[in-house]
Amino acid sequence: MMVLSALIRAFILVSLAEFADKTQIATIMLASKFRSKLVFIGGLIGFMLVNIICFITGVCIGFNIPVFWTKIFASILFIVFGLLSLKGDEKFSINISSGRSVFITSLTLVASMELADKTNLAVIALSLESMSPISTFIGIFLSAIFMMAISTFIGVKIGELVKYYWIKILSSIVFIIIGVYILLELFYLS
């Protein structure tokens, strides 16, 4: 019973932490513009890479993540990606549309968003107190699959309903806003 309880608790907590989070919004925007399978796989791997480190940290060490520098890195990545996408540079558009670039972009953006995110704190807290670390990890992994699938599905549906031009403009603006918000949060809102 403890095993199932740890799995369910981790699934619910991580899902709630990711709901309407920067990661979900970015995944929706990426999936509305690019191949959904690559966005899903890249986003899932990016999410899990960061959260595996947090999980191991919580289980083994209790290590503090350098929040300031990870937020600076994430904000710059968002702003640059938004500006390049908004600029409409043909070279950038062609490269990002290739399968490898969509995968790498999704992985990188999601991983950078997850650095020093509230989900990391949830994962570390879950791993620190869990009596069943394997079940907790499975719950985290299932939550990641669930949230990436929902985000990708929503993005695909938006892509079907809205012209590519408007998706490009909106997603570029959203990425820039997220980057600026991270900087504001870091310097002024904390």
Protein backbone atom coordinates (compact mmCIF):
# COMPACT_ATOMS: atom_id res chain seq x y z
CA MET A 1 0.00 0.00 0.00
CA MET A 2 2.89 2.38 0.83
CA VAL A 3 4.32 1.75 -2.65
CA LEU A 4 1.09 2.75 -4.42
CA SER A 5 0.59 5.72 -2.11
CA ALA A 6 4.08 7.07 -2.92
CA LEU A 7 3.47 6.64 -6.66
CA ILE A 8 0.08 8.40 -6.57
CA ARG A 9 1.36 11.20 -4.36
CA ALA A 10 4.33 11.88 -6.65
CA PHE A 11 2.11 11.77 -9.75
CA ILE A 12 -0.40 14.24 -8.31
CA LEU A 13 2.16 16.64 -6.83
CA VAL A 14 4.32 16.85 -9.96
CA SER A 15 1.27 17.13 -12.24
CA LEU A 16 -0.08 20.00 -10.15
CA ALA A 17 3.33 21.71 -10.11
CA GLU A 18 3.48 21.51 -13.92
CA PHE A 19 -0.11 22.51 -14.63
CA ALA A 20 -0.13 25.88 -16.48
CA ASP A 21 3.61 26.17 -15.78
CA LYS A 22 6.19 27.64 -18.18
CA THR A 23 7.10 24.13 -19.31
CA GLN A 24 3.53 23.33 -20.29
CA ILE A 25 3.03 26.64 -22.10
CA ALA A 26 6.30 26.28 -24.02
CA THR A 27 5.46 22.68 -24.97
CA ILE A 28 2.05 23.78 -26.24
CA MET A 29 3.66 26.52 -28.32
CA LEU A 30 6.31 24.18 -29.75
CA ALA A 31 3.76 21.46 -30.57
CA SER A 32 1.54 23.99 -32.34
CA LYS A 33 4.40 24.78 -34.76
CA PHE A 34 6.49 21.63 -35.07
CA ARG A 35 6.21 17.85 -35.27
CA SER A 36 4.41 16.73 -32.13
CA LYS A 37 6.29 13.44 -31.65
CA LEU A 38 9.64 15.22 -31.60
CA VAL A 39 8.35 17.94 -29.27
CA PHE A 40 6.89 15.29 -26.94
CA ILE A 41 10.04 13.13 -26.86
CA GLY A 42 12.44 16.09 -26.59
CA GLY A 43 10.33 17.74 -23.89
CA LEU A 44 9.95 14.50 -21.94
CA ILE A 45 13.69 13.80 -22.01
CA GLY A 46 14.52 17.41 -21.07
CA PHE A 47 12.05 17.27 -18.18
CA MET A 48 13.32 13.92 -16.94
CA LEU A 49 17.03 14.80 -17.22
CA VAL A 50 16.67 17.74 -14.85
CA ASN A 51 14.29 15.98 -12.50
CA ILE A 52 16.37 12.80 -12.36
CA ILE A 53 19.24 14.96 -11.10
CA CYS A 54 16.90 16.53 -8.53
CA PHE A 55 15.58 13.14 -7.52
CA ILE A 56 19.06 11.67 -7.05
CA THR A 57 20.10 14.81 -5.22
CA GLY A 58 17.19 14.50 -2.83
CA VAL A 59 17.76 10.80 -2.23
CA CYS A 60 21.54 10.96 -1.84
CA ILE A 61 22.84 14.41 -1.03
CA GLY A 62 20.34 17.16 -0.24
CA PHE A 63 22.21 19.53 -2.59
CA ASN A 64 21.10 23.13 -3.25
CA ILE A 65 20.55 24.16 -6.87
CA PRO A 66 22.19 27.51 -7.79
CA VAL A 67 18.89 29.23 -8.56
CA PHE A 68 20.31 32.58 -9.69
CA TRP A 69 22.47 31.27 -12.55
CA THR A 70 19.99 28.66 -13.74
CA LYS A 71 17.28 31.32 -13.97
CA ILE A 72 19.62 33.68 -15.84
CA PHE A 73 20.44 30.89 -18.33
CA ALA A 74 16.78 29.95 -18.78
CA SER A 75 15.65 33.55 -19.29
CA ILE A 76 18.34 34.24 -21.91
CA LEU A 77 17.45 31.04 -23.75
CA PHE A 78 13.76 32.00 -23.82
CA ILE A 79 14.38 35.54 -25.00
CA VAL A 80 16.85 34.47 -27.72
CA PHE A 81 14.54 31.72 -28.96
CA GLY A 82 11.58 34.14 -29.02
CA LEU A 83 13.52 36.84 -30.86
CA LEU A 84 14.94 34.42 -33.44
CA SER A 85 11.51 32.96 -34.03
CA LEU A 86 9.91 36.42 -34.26
CA LYS A 87 12.60 37.67 -36.62
CA GLY A 88 11.56 35.03 -39.12
CA ASP A 89 15.05 34.32 -40.34
CA GLU A 90 14.63 31.68 -43.09
CA LYS A 91 17.83 29.91 -42.08
CA PHE A 92 16.58 29.62 -38.50
CA SER A 93 13.11 28.47 -39.61
CA ILE A 94 14.47 25.79 -41.90
CA ASN A 95 16.90 24.49 -39.32
CA ILE A 96 14.37 24.44 -36.50
CA SER A 97 11.89 22.57 -38.71
CA SER A 98 14.26 19.66 -39.23
CA GLY A 99 13.59 16.70 -36.97
CA ARG A 100 16.87 16.88 -35.12
CA SER A 101 16.54 20.61 -34.42
CA VAL A 102 12.94 20.32 -33.19
CA PHE A 103 14.01 17.55 -30.83
CA ILE A 104 17.08 19.47 -29.56
CA THR A 105 15.10 22.72 -29.19
CA SER A 106 12.34 20.98 -27.23
CA LEU A 107 14.84 19.17 -25.02
CA THR A 108 16.89 22.30 -24.35
CA LEU A 109 13.97 24.64 -23.70
CA VAL A 110 12.16 22.23 -21.40
CA ALA A 111 15.34 21.32 -19.52
CA SER A 112 16.26 24.99 -19.04
CA MET A 113 12.74 25.78 -17.82
CA GLU A 114 12.91 22.98 -15.31
CA LEU A 115 16.14 24.27 -13.76
CA ALA A 116 15.33 25.82 -10.37
CA ASP A 117 11.61 25.37 -10.98
CA LYS A 118 8.96 24.60 -8.38
CA THR A 119 8.77 21.08 -9.79
CA ASN A 120 12.41 20.56 -8.81
CA LEU A 121 11.57 21.50 -5.24
CA ALA A 122 8.63 19.09 -5.29
CA VAL A 123 10.83 16.30 -6.69
CA ILE A 124 13.57 16.94 -4.13
CA ALA A 125 11.04 17.06 -1.30
CA LEU A 126 9.36 13.85 -2.48
CA SER A 127 12.69 12.04 -2.79
CA LEU A 128 13.92 13.27 0.60
CA GLU A 129 10.94 11.96 2.51
CA SER A 130 9.93 8.94 0.45
CA MET A 131 10.03 5.52 2.04
CA SER A 132 9.59 4.06 -1.44
CA PRO A 133 11.95 5.94 -3.79
CA ILE A 134 11.32 3.67 -6.78
CA SER A 135 7.55 4.19 -6.56
CA THR A 136 8.09 7.92 -6.15
CA PHE A 137 10.31 8.01 -9.23
CA ILE A 138 7.73 6.06 -11.26
CA GLY A 139 5.05 8.55 -10.17
CA ILE A 140 7.26 11.44 -11.29
CA PHE A 141 7.93 9.74 -14.64
CA LEU A 142 4.25 8.96 -15.25
CA SER A 143 3.37 12.56 -14.43
CA ALA A 144 5.95 13.79 -16.95
CA ILE A 145 4.47 11.57 -19.67
CA PHE A 146 0.94 12.67 -18.77
CA MET A 147 1.72 16.41 -18.74
CA MET A 148 3.83 16.30 -21.94
CA ALA A 149 1.07 14.34 -23.71
CA ILE A 150 -1.60 16.86 -22.67
CA SER A 151 0.59 19.82 -23.64
CA THR A 152 1.51 18.30 -27.00
CA PHE A 153 -2.13 17.44 -27.76
CA ILE A 154 -3.30 20.96 -26.95
CA GLY A 155 -0.48 22.40 -29.09
CA VAL A 156 -1.43 20.20 -32.06
CA LYS A 157 -5.09 21.26 -31.78
CA ILE A 158 -4.10 24.93 -31.65
CA GLY A 159 -1.90 24.33 -34.70
CA GLU A 160 -4.91 22.92 -36.57
CA LEU A 161 -7.18 25.85 -35.69
CA VAL A 162 -4.87 28.86 -35.98
CA LYS A 163 -2.83 30.01 -38.99
CA TYR A 164 0.91 29.36 -38.74
CA TYR A 165 1.71 33.08 -38.98
CA TRP A 166 -0.29 33.86 -35.81
CA ILE A 167 1.11 30.85 -33.96
CA LYS A 168 4.63 32.03 -34.82
CA ILE A 169 3.92 35.57 -33.57
CA LEU A 170 2.12 34.41 -30.43
CA SER A 171 4.67 31.75 -29.49
CA SER A 172 7.55 34.19 -30.06
CA ILE A 173 5.91 36.74 -27.79
CA VAL A 174 5.13 34.10 -25.16
CA PHE A 175 8.78 32.93 -25.11
CA ILE A 176 10.03 36.51 -24.75
CA ILE A 177 7.49 37.22 -21.98
CA ILE A 178 8.53 34.06 -20.12
CA GLY A 179 12.21 35.07 -20.37
CA VAL A 180 11.51 38.60 -19.16
CA TYR A 181 9.26 37.28 -16.37
CA ILE A 182 12.02 34.96 -15.14
CA LEU A 183 14.41 37.95 -14.97
CA LEU A 184 11.80 40.12 -13.23
CA GLU A 185 11.06 37.32 -10.79
CA LEU A 186 14.76 36.93 -10.10
CA PHE A 187 15.58 40.60 -9.58
CA TYR A 188 12.35 42.29 -8.54
CA LEU A 189 9.63 39.88 -7.46
CA SER A 190 11.54 37.79 -4.94
